[in-house]
Amino acid sequence: MKKPLLSTMSLAAASALALAGCAQPPSATTQSPTASEATSSSASASATESSAAPTTDFTACMVSDAGGFDDKSFNETAYAGMMRAKDELGVQTKQIESNAEGEYAGNVQSMIDANCDIIVTVGFALANATEAAAKQNPEVDFAIVDNSSFEGVDNAKGLIFNTAQPAFMAGYLAAGMSQTGTVGTFGGAKYPTVTIFMDGFAQGISYYNEQKGGDVKLIGWDEAKQDGQFVGGNNPFGDIPGGKNTASTLIAQGADIILPVAGPAGLGALQAAQESGGKVNAIWVDTDGYVSAPEYGSTIISSVEKGMDVAVFEAIKASLEGSFSSDPYVGTLDNDGVSLAPFHDFESKVSDELKAELEQIKADIISGTITITSPSQPK
């Protein structure tokens, strides 16, 4: 059951207890606290609760994937959805950052111990920890970004996105903008939520070649073999130098547009593009990179966006209102859950003809005239 609204007096009491919060805000980096630390009133605790005064005692909580809430990518966008819920719905919020896979289960448990009403976990990698916690705590609602709902688990909702659709548009855009006739992509690790971008990107390039009689080549991903270039290592999504080295390898092979699907590690690709003096550009993913990483805005043609903030907000709202269900949210071009971001500094460089073709492609994807095939697409 959900908690009732606080009275003015109880609100004051609850505020006094707010020191028992969870993780630091996005601008901070922290070691993930233990369950006891997450509920401790110590001023030195690794986790702190948001300071804005709530209007209800309903608490929405979030556990990040590695990369933290300032990753300029999917963790940060999901966090923005929770902050919108705080501002618009008056809920309390708590959050904790994960630094490694071994912390997932403990971090989720710390949110349970902190009496959260809904816990949002960010990323496919947290699926096992989320499913186990949801089964053991049926009184708590769970939502997970980038993973479908779990079969037979009524209190957990998947928030998934068909990013192959806007990635197809991005592939067509990249092919139309390339000067060398070679574009590249790479991922952090071989997850379905990564390769779905790469599949759509590859098919968009192929579609451009079919429509235009072109011969634009993609390096970094072999769609038929479902294999390609990944950062790898122990911290593939956080390894910015590794991302830069991977992008540099693609650039050395002639790629002049790079699609990094690697979270913060993708910033290394933006660095490599920026250092090319305008010869190489990039297309960002998850969020509008021109906004989230403005220092690299001059190199970002567009971004493949997914509305994780909207999905997270709606899940929290449904939980607060008692209408939460395990039916998955699926973001598509049709419901604006995914999109191709504006061109910003490249607005005048993308021809009117190419813009019109992209709009037609969007319409054709929505209508089913263009069919995208990827084993990683939401079922």
Protein backbone atom coordinates (compact mmCIF):
# COMPACT_ATOMS: atom_id res chain seq x y z
CA MET A 1 0.00 0.00 0.00
CA LYS A 2 1.07 3.55 -0.64
CA LYS A 3 1.61 5.98 2.18
CA PRO A 4 -0.92 8.78 2.92
CA LEU A 5 -0.20 12.47 2.53
CA LEU A 6 1.81 14.07 5.29
CA SER A 7 0.32 16.65 7.55
CA THR A 8 2.28 19.86 8.08
CA MET A 9 3.58 18.66 11.42
CA SER A 10 4.55 15.24 10.18
CA LEU A 11 6.27 16.84 7.24
CA ALA A 12 8.48 18.77 9.60
CA ALA A 13 9.31 15.58 11.43
CA ALA A 14 10.03 13.80 8.19
CA SER A 15 12.28 16.63 7.08
CA ALA A 16 14.27 16.23 10.27
CA LEU A 17 14.83 12.62 9.33
CA ALA A 18 15.87 13.47 5.79
CA LEU A 19 19.49 13.20 6.78
CA ALA A 20 19.00 9.46 6.43
CA GLY A 21 19.14 9.81 2.67
CA CYS A 22 20.84 7.97 -0.12
CA ALA A 23 23.31 8.82 -2.84
CA GLN A 24 24.86 12.10 -3.71
CA PRO A 25 23.40 14.32 -6.43
CA PRO A 26 24.62 13.88 -10.00
CA SER A 27 27.51 16.28 -9.69
CA ALA A 28 29.12 14.16 -7.00
CA THR A 29 31.06 10.93 -7.20
CA THR A 30 30.77 8.46 -4.39
CA GLN A 31 31.56 4.97 -3.28
CA SER A 32 28.31 3.05 -3.09
CA PRO A 33 27.14 2.83 0.53
CA THR A 34 26.16 -0.32 2.31
CA ALA A 35 22.55 -0.82 3.34
CA SER A 36 23.32 0.52 6.82
CA GLU A 37 25.09 3.57 5.40
CA ALA A 38 22.18 4.33 3.08
CA THR A 39 19.87 4.72 6.07
CA SER A 40 22.36 6.29 8.44
CA SER A 41 21.86 9.81 9.81
CA SER A 42 25.60 10.45 9.76
CA ALA A 43 26.56 13.63 7.92
CA SER A 44 29.41 11.68 6.33
CA ALA A 45 27.15 9.00 4.87
CA SER A 46 27.79 8.32 1.20
CA ALA A 47 24.15 8.93 0.32
CA THR A 48 22.09 12.07 0.82
CA GLU A 49 18.43 12.70 0.26
CA SER A 50 17.23 15.50 -2.03
CA SER A 51 16.69 18.66 -0.03
CA ALA A 52 13.51 20.11 -1.55
CA ALA A 53 10.54 19.90 0.80
CA PRO A 54 8.10 17.21 -0.35
CA THR A 55 4.34 17.44 -0.25
CA THR A 56 3.84 13.70 0.27
CA ASP A 57 5.70 11.01 2.11
CA PHE A 58 5.78 8.87 -1.02
CA THR A 59 9.41 8.15 -1.85
CA ALA A 60 10.74 7.44 -5.34
CA CYS A 61 14.25 6.02 -5.48
CA MET A 62 16.81 5.25 -8.17
CA VAL A 63 19.84 3.00 -8.53
CA SER A 64 22.24 3.95 -11.32
CA ASP A 65 24.31 1.71 -13.52
CA ALA A 66 28.07 2.26 -13.61
CA GLY A 67 28.80 5.73 -14.92
CA GLY A 68 26.73 7.60 -12.37
CA PHE A 69 24.08 10.25 -12.68
CA ASP A 70 26.33 12.71 -14.51
CA ASP A 71 27.22 10.37 -17.39
CA LYS A 72 25.71 12.72 -20.02
CA SER A 73 23.81 9.67 -21.21
CA PHE A 74 21.19 7.20 -19.99
CA ASN A 75 21.74 7.43 -16.20
CA GLU A 76 21.51 11.21 -16.32
CA THR A 77 18.39 11.20 -18.48
CA ALA A 78 16.62 8.69 -16.24
CA TYR A 79 17.58 10.76 -13.20
CA ALA A 80 16.02 13.82 -14.84
CA GLY A 81 12.71 11.94 -14.94
CA MET A 82 12.85 11.34 -11.20
CA MET A 83 13.70 14.99 -10.57
CA ARG A 84 10.70 16.00 -12.66
CA ALA A 85 8.54 13.78 -10.43
CA LYS A 86 9.99 15.51 -7.40
CA ASP A 87 9.24 18.95 -8.81
CA GLU A 88 5.81 18.26 -10.30
CA LEU A 89 4.41 15.55 -8.02
CA GLY A 90 6.00 16.56 -4.74
CA VAL A 91 7.49 13.16 -4.01
CA GLN A 92 10.57 12.57 -1.91
CA THR A 93 13.56 11.15 -3.74
CA LYS A 94 16.58 9.08 -2.85
CA GLN A 95 19.29 7.78 -5.13
CA ILE A 96 22.46 5.75 -5.10
CA GLU A 97 25.22 5.39 -7.67
CA SER A 98 26.69 2.06 -8.70
CA ASN A 99 30.35 1.84 -9.57
CA ALA A 100 30.59 -1.85 -10.44
CA GLU A 101 28.37 -4.86 -11.15
CA GLY A 102 29.05 -6.35 -7.75
CA GLU A 103 27.27 -3.41 -6.10
CA TYR A 104 23.90 -3.76 -7.86
CA ALA A 105 22.12 -6.12 -5.46
CA GLY A 106 23.39 -4.32 -2.38
CA ASN A 107 22.43 -0.92 -3.75
CA VAL A 108 18.90 -2.10 -4.56
CA GLN A 109 18.62 -3.57 -1.08
CA SER A 110 19.73 -0.27 0.46
CA MET A 111 16.80 1.44 -1.26
CA ILE A 112 14.43 -1.20 0.08
CA ASP A 113 15.85 -0.63 3.57
CA ALA A 114 15.28 3.11 3.07
CA ASN A 115 11.51 2.44 2.73
CA CYS A 116 11.19 3.48 -0.90
CA ASP A 117 7.75 3.13 -2.49
CA ILE A 118 9.11 2.70 -6.02
CA ILE A 119 12.66 1.84 -6.99
CA VAL A 120 13.84 2.63 -10.52
CA THR A 121 16.94 0.77 -11.65
CA VAL A 122 18.82 2.12 -14.63
CA GLY A 123 20.15 -0.35 -17.13
CA PHE A 124 19.92 -3.85 -18.53
CA ALA A 125 22.79 -4.93 -16.29
CA LEU A 126 20.63 -4.51 -13.17
CA ALA A 127 17.99 -6.96 -14.40
CA ASN A 128 18.91 -9.89 -12.14
CA ALA A 129 19.15 -7.74 -9.03
CA THR A 130 15.89 -5.98 -9.84
CA GLU A 131 13.92 -9.15 -10.54
CA ALA A 132 15.14 -10.82 -7.36
CA ALA A 133 14.32 -7.78 -5.23
CA ALA A 134 10.87 -7.38 -6.78
CA LYS A 135 10.00 -11.00 -6.07
CA GLN A 136 11.15 -10.69 -2.47
CA ASN A 137 9.40 -7.34 -1.87
CA PRO A 138 5.94 -7.43 -3.46
CA GLU A 139 4.85 -4.35 -1.52
CA VAL A 140 7.41 -2.19 -3.39
CA ASP A 141 7.01 -1.13 -7.03
CA PHE A 142 10.01 -1.48 -9.34
CA ALA A 143 10.75 -0.06 -12.78
CA ILE A 144 13.82 -0.88 -14.83
CA VAL A 145 15.20 1.16 -17.72
CA ASP A 146 16.31 -0.77 -20.81
CA ASN A 147 14.87 -4.12 -19.77
CA SER A 148 11.48 -5.64 -20.36
CA SER A 149 9.06 -6.60 -17.61
CA PHE A 150 9.72 -9.89 -15.83
CA GLU A 151 7.39 -12.80 -16.46
CA GLY A 152 5.13 -13.44 -13.49
CA VAL A 153 6.35 -10.41 -11.51
CA ASP A 154 3.41 -8.05 -11.06
CA ASN A 155 5.26 -5.26 -9.24
CA ALA A 156 8.02 -4.63 -11.80
CA LYS A 157 7.67 -2.62 -15.01
CA GLY A 158 10.09 -2.62 -17.91
CA LEU A 159 10.89 0.68 -19.62
CA ILE A 160 12.17 -0.23 -23.07
CA PHE A 161 12.84 1.68 -26.26
CA ASN A 162 12.94 0.72 -29.92
CA THR A 163 16.06 2.75 -30.63
CA ALA A 164 16.61 0.84 -33.87
CA GLN A 165 14.03 3.19 -35.38
CA PRO A 166 15.78 6.55 -34.88
CA ALA A 167 19.16 4.81 -35.30
CA PHE A 168 17.98 3.84 -38.80
CA MET A 169 17.36 7.52 -39.47
CA ALA A 170 20.79 8.33 -38.02
CA GLY A 171 22.42 5.80 -40.35
CA TYR A 172 20.73 7.39 -43.35
CA LEU A 173 21.79 10.83 -42.09
CA ALA A 174 25.40 9.71 -41.59
CA ALA A 175 25.55 8.18 -45.06
CA GLY A 176 24.17 11.38 -46.54
CA MET A 177 26.66 13.56 -44.66
CA SER A 178 29.84 11.48 -45.01
CA GLN A 179 32.58 12.94 -47.17
CA THR A 180 34.82 9.88 -47.11
CA GLY A 181 32.13 7.30 -47.81
CA THR A 182 32.98 5.49 -44.57
CA VAL A 183 31.23 5.84 -41.23
CA GLY A 184 31.88 3.97 -37.99
CA THR A 185 30.23 2.78 -34.81
CA PHE A 186 31.33 1.02 -31.65
CA GLY A 187 29.79 -0.08 -28.38
CA GLY A 188 30.81 -0.28 -24.76
CA ALA A 189 29.92 -3.96 -24.39
CA LYS A 190 27.85 -6.42 -26.38
CA TYR A 191 24.47 -5.85 -24.73
CA PRO A 192 21.19 -5.95 -26.69
CA THR A 193 20.53 -2.36 -25.59
CA VAL A 194 23.78 -1.42 -27.34
CA THR A 195 23.60 -3.54 -30.46
CA ILE A 196 20.05 -2.39 -31.22
CA PHE A 197 21.48 1.05 -32.05
CA MET A 198 24.15 -0.52 -34.24
CA ASP A 199 21.63 -2.67 -36.13
CA GLY A 200 19.40 0.29 -36.90
CA PHE A 201 22.39 2.41 -37.90
CA ALA A 202 23.64 -0.28 -40.27
CA GLN A 203 20.26 -0.72 -41.90
CA GLY A 204 19.85 3.03 -42.37
CA ILE A 205 23.15 3.15 -44.23
CA SER A 206 22.12 0.20 -46.40
CA TYR A 207 18.81 1.90 -47.16
CA TYR A 208 20.66 5.06 -48.22
CA ASN A 209 22.82 3.03 -50.57
CA GLU A 210 19.75 1.33 -52.05
CA GLN A 211 17.87 4.59 -52.55
CA LYS A 212 20.80 6.62 -53.83
CA GLY A 213 22.88 4.01 -55.60
CA GLY A 214 25.62 4.78 -53.10
CA ASP A 215 28.42 2.73 -51.62
CA VAL A 216 28.82 4.14 -48.11
CA LYS A 217 30.65 1.63 -45.92
CA LEU A 218 30.07 0.96 -42.22
CA ILE A 219 32.96 -0.18 -40.05
CA GLY A 220 32.80 -1.27 -36.43
CA TRP A 221 29.70 -3.44 -36.74
CA ASP A 222 28.84 -6.48 -38.83
CA GLU A 223 25.08 -6.81 -38.66
CA ALA A 224 24.99 -10.28 -40.23
CA LYS A 225 27.49 -11.68 -37.73
CA GLN A 226 26.12 -9.56 -34.86
CA ASP A 227 29.64 -8.66 -33.88
CA GLY A 228 31.85 -5.63 -34.01
CA GLN A 229 34.04 -3.15 -32.17
CA PHE A 230 33.60 -2.74 -28.40
CA VAL A 231 35.60 -0.89 -25.76
CA GLY A 232 35.73 -3.97 -23.52
CA GLY A 233 37.71 -4.23 -20.31
CA ASN A 234 36.47 -4.08 -16.73
CA ASN A 235 34.76 -0.70 -17.14
CA PRO A 236 33.72 -0.51 -20.79
CA PHE A 237 31.14 2.24 -20.38
CA GLY A 238 33.29 4.40 -18.14
CA ASP A 239 36.58 4.10 -20.00
CA ILE A 240 36.82 7.45 -21.81
CA PRO A 241 40.44 6.89 -22.99
CA GLY A 242 39.36 3.48 -24.27
CA GLY A 243 36.49 5.08 -26.14
CA LYS A 244 38.85 7.59 -27.67
CA ASN A 245 41.27 4.86 -28.75
CA THR A 246 38.43 2.84 -30.29
CA ALA A 247 37.12 5.89 -32.18
CA SER A 248 40.63 6.77 -33.31
CA THR A 249 41.02 3.30 -34.79
CA LEU A 250 37.83 3.79 -36.82
CA ILE A 251 38.96 7.25 -37.90
CA ALA A 252 42.31 5.83 -39.04
CA GLN A 253 40.34 3.45 -41.24
CA GLY A 254 38.61 6.37 -42.94
CA ALA A 255 35.46 6.93 -40.89
CA ASP A 256 34.46 10.59 -40.76
CA ILE A 257 31.24 10.14 -38.75
CA ILE A 258 31.19 8.05 -35.56
CA LEU A 259 28.23 6.68 -33.60
CA PRO A 260 29.51 5.72 -30.12
CA VAL A 261 27.09 3.57 -28.11
CA ALA A 262 29.16 3.47 -24.97
CA GLY A 263 27.82 5.85 -22.33
CA PRO A 264 30.56 8.07 -20.86
CA ALA A 265 33.20 6.14 -22.81
CA GLY A 266 31.61 7.64 -25.90
CA LEU A 267 32.90 11.02 -24.79
CA GLY A 268 36.28 9.76 -25.95
CA ALA A 269 34.88 9.57 -29.48
CA LEU A 270 33.71 13.17 -29.19
CA GLN A 271 37.21 14.15 -28.08
CA ALA A 272 38.72 12.39 -31.09
CA ALA A 273 36.24 14.07 -33.41
CA GLN A 274 36.92 17.49 -31.89
CA GLU A 275 40.66 17.04 -32.31
CA SER A 276 40.21 16.30 -36.03
CA GLY A 277 39.65 19.99 -36.75
CA GLY A 278 36.27 19.46 -38.37
CA LYS A 279 37.20 16.45 -40.49
CA VAL A 280 35.32 14.02 -38.23
CA ASN A 281 31.94 14.41 -36.56
CA ALA A 282 29.67 12.27 -34.41
CA ILE A 283 26.11 11.23 -33.68
CA TRP A 284 25.40 10.81 -29.96
CA VAL A 285 22.96 8.39 -28.31
CA ASP A 286 20.44 8.20 -25.46
CA THR A 287 20.11 11.95 -24.95
CA ASP A 288 20.65 15.09 -27.03
CA GLY A 289 24.44 15.32 -26.80
CA TYR A 290 24.41 18.96 -27.87
CA VAL A 291 22.59 19.70 -24.60
CA SER A 292 24.18 17.12 -22.29
CA ALA A 293 27.76 17.56 -23.55
CA PRO A 294 27.77 21.13 -24.94
CA GLU A 295 31.56 21.33 -24.96
CA TYR A 296 31.44 18.95 -27.92
CA GLY A 297 28.39 20.47 -29.56
CA SER A 298 30.26 21.61 -32.64
CA THR A 299 31.04 17.97 -33.51
CA ILE A 300 27.58 16.48 -32.92
CA ILE A 301 25.41 16.32 -36.05
CA SER A 302 22.42 14.89 -34.17
CA SER A 303 21.58 12.32 -31.49
CA VAL A 304 19.50 9.17 -31.23
CA GLU A 305 17.33 9.99 -28.23
CA LYS A 306 15.21 7.81 -26.03
CA GLY A 307 12.70 9.39 -23.65
CA MET A 308 13.88 7.69 -20.49
CA ASP A 309 12.98 10.78 -18.46
CA VAL A 310 9.38 10.62 -19.64
CA ALA A 311 9.13 6.87 -19.02
CA VAL A 312 10.58 7.18 -15.50
CA PHE A 313 8.27 10.08 -14.65
CA GLU A 314 5.19 8.19 -15.83
CA ALA A 315 6.17 5.07 -13.87
CA ILE A 316 6.60 7.09 -10.67
CA LYS A 317 3.32 8.92 -11.28
CA ALA A 318 1.45 5.66 -11.79
CA SER A 319 2.93 4.22 -8.60
CA LEU A 320 1.98 7.34 -6.63
CA GLU A 321 -1.57 7.26 -7.98
CA GLY A 322 -2.04 3.53 -7.43
CA SER A 323 -2.36 2.71 -11.14
CA PHE A 324 1.03 1.02 -11.52
CA SER A 325 1.12 -2.15 -13.63
CA SER A 326 3.78 -4.50 -14.93
CA ASP A 327 2.82 -3.81 -18.55
CA PRO A 328 6.05 -2.63 -20.21
CA TYR A 329 6.46 0.87 -21.57
CA VAL A 330 7.78 0.71 -25.14
CA GLY A 331 9.13 3.96 -26.61
CA THR A 332 8.76 4.27 -30.39
CA LEU A 333 8.85 6.97 -33.04
CA ASP A 334 5.07 6.81 -33.07
CA ASN A 335 4.64 7.72 -29.39
CA ASP A 336 7.69 10.02 -29.29
CA GLY A 337 9.43 7.67 -26.88
CA VAL A 338 12.43 7.73 -29.23
CA SER A 339 13.52 10.37 -31.72
CA LEU A 340 16.27 11.89 -33.81
CA ALA A 341 17.42 15.10 -32.11
CA PRO A 342 17.67 18.51 -33.83
CA PHE A 343 20.74 19.26 -35.92
CA HIS A 344 21.74 22.37 -33.93
CA ASP A 345 25.05 23.66 -35.37
CA PHE A 346 24.57 21.42 -38.39
CA GLU A 347 21.13 22.80 -39.24
CA SER A 348 22.45 24.70 -42.27
CA LYS A 349 24.79 21.85 -43.26
CA VAL A 350 22.08 19.22 -43.59
CA SER A 351 20.43 19.83 -46.96
CA ASP A 352 16.70 20.45 -47.28
CA GLU A 353 16.53 17.37 -49.48
CA LEU A 354 18.10 15.17 -46.81
CA LYS A 355 15.83 16.64 -44.12
CA ALA A 356 12.76 15.86 -46.24
CA GLU A 357 13.98 12.33 -46.84
CA LEU A 358 14.46 11.78 -43.11
CA GLU A 359 10.93 12.98 -42.41
CA GLN A 360 9.60 10.56 -45.01
CA ILE A 361 11.67 7.74 -43.52
CA LYS A 362 10.20 8.49 -40.10
CA ALA A 363 6.68 8.34 -41.53
CA ASP A 364 7.49 5.11 -43.36
CA ILE A 365 8.88 3.46 -40.23
CA ILE A 366 5.78 4.44 -38.27
CA SER A 367 3.44 3.15 -40.98
CA GLY A 368 5.39 -0.06 -41.44
CA THR A 369 6.43 0.71 -45.00
CA ILE A 370 10.03 0.42 -43.79
CA THR A 371 10.64 -2.64 -41.65
CA ILE A 372 13.65 -2.75 -39.36
CA THR A 373 14.90 -6.14 -38.26
CA SER A 374 17.06 -6.52 -35.17
CA PRO A 375 17.17 -9.40 -32.72
CA SER A 376 17.52 -6.77 -29.99
CA GLN A 377 14.25 -4.95 -30.75
CA PRO A 378 11.49 -5.05 -28.11
CA LYS A 379 9.23 -8.03 -28.74
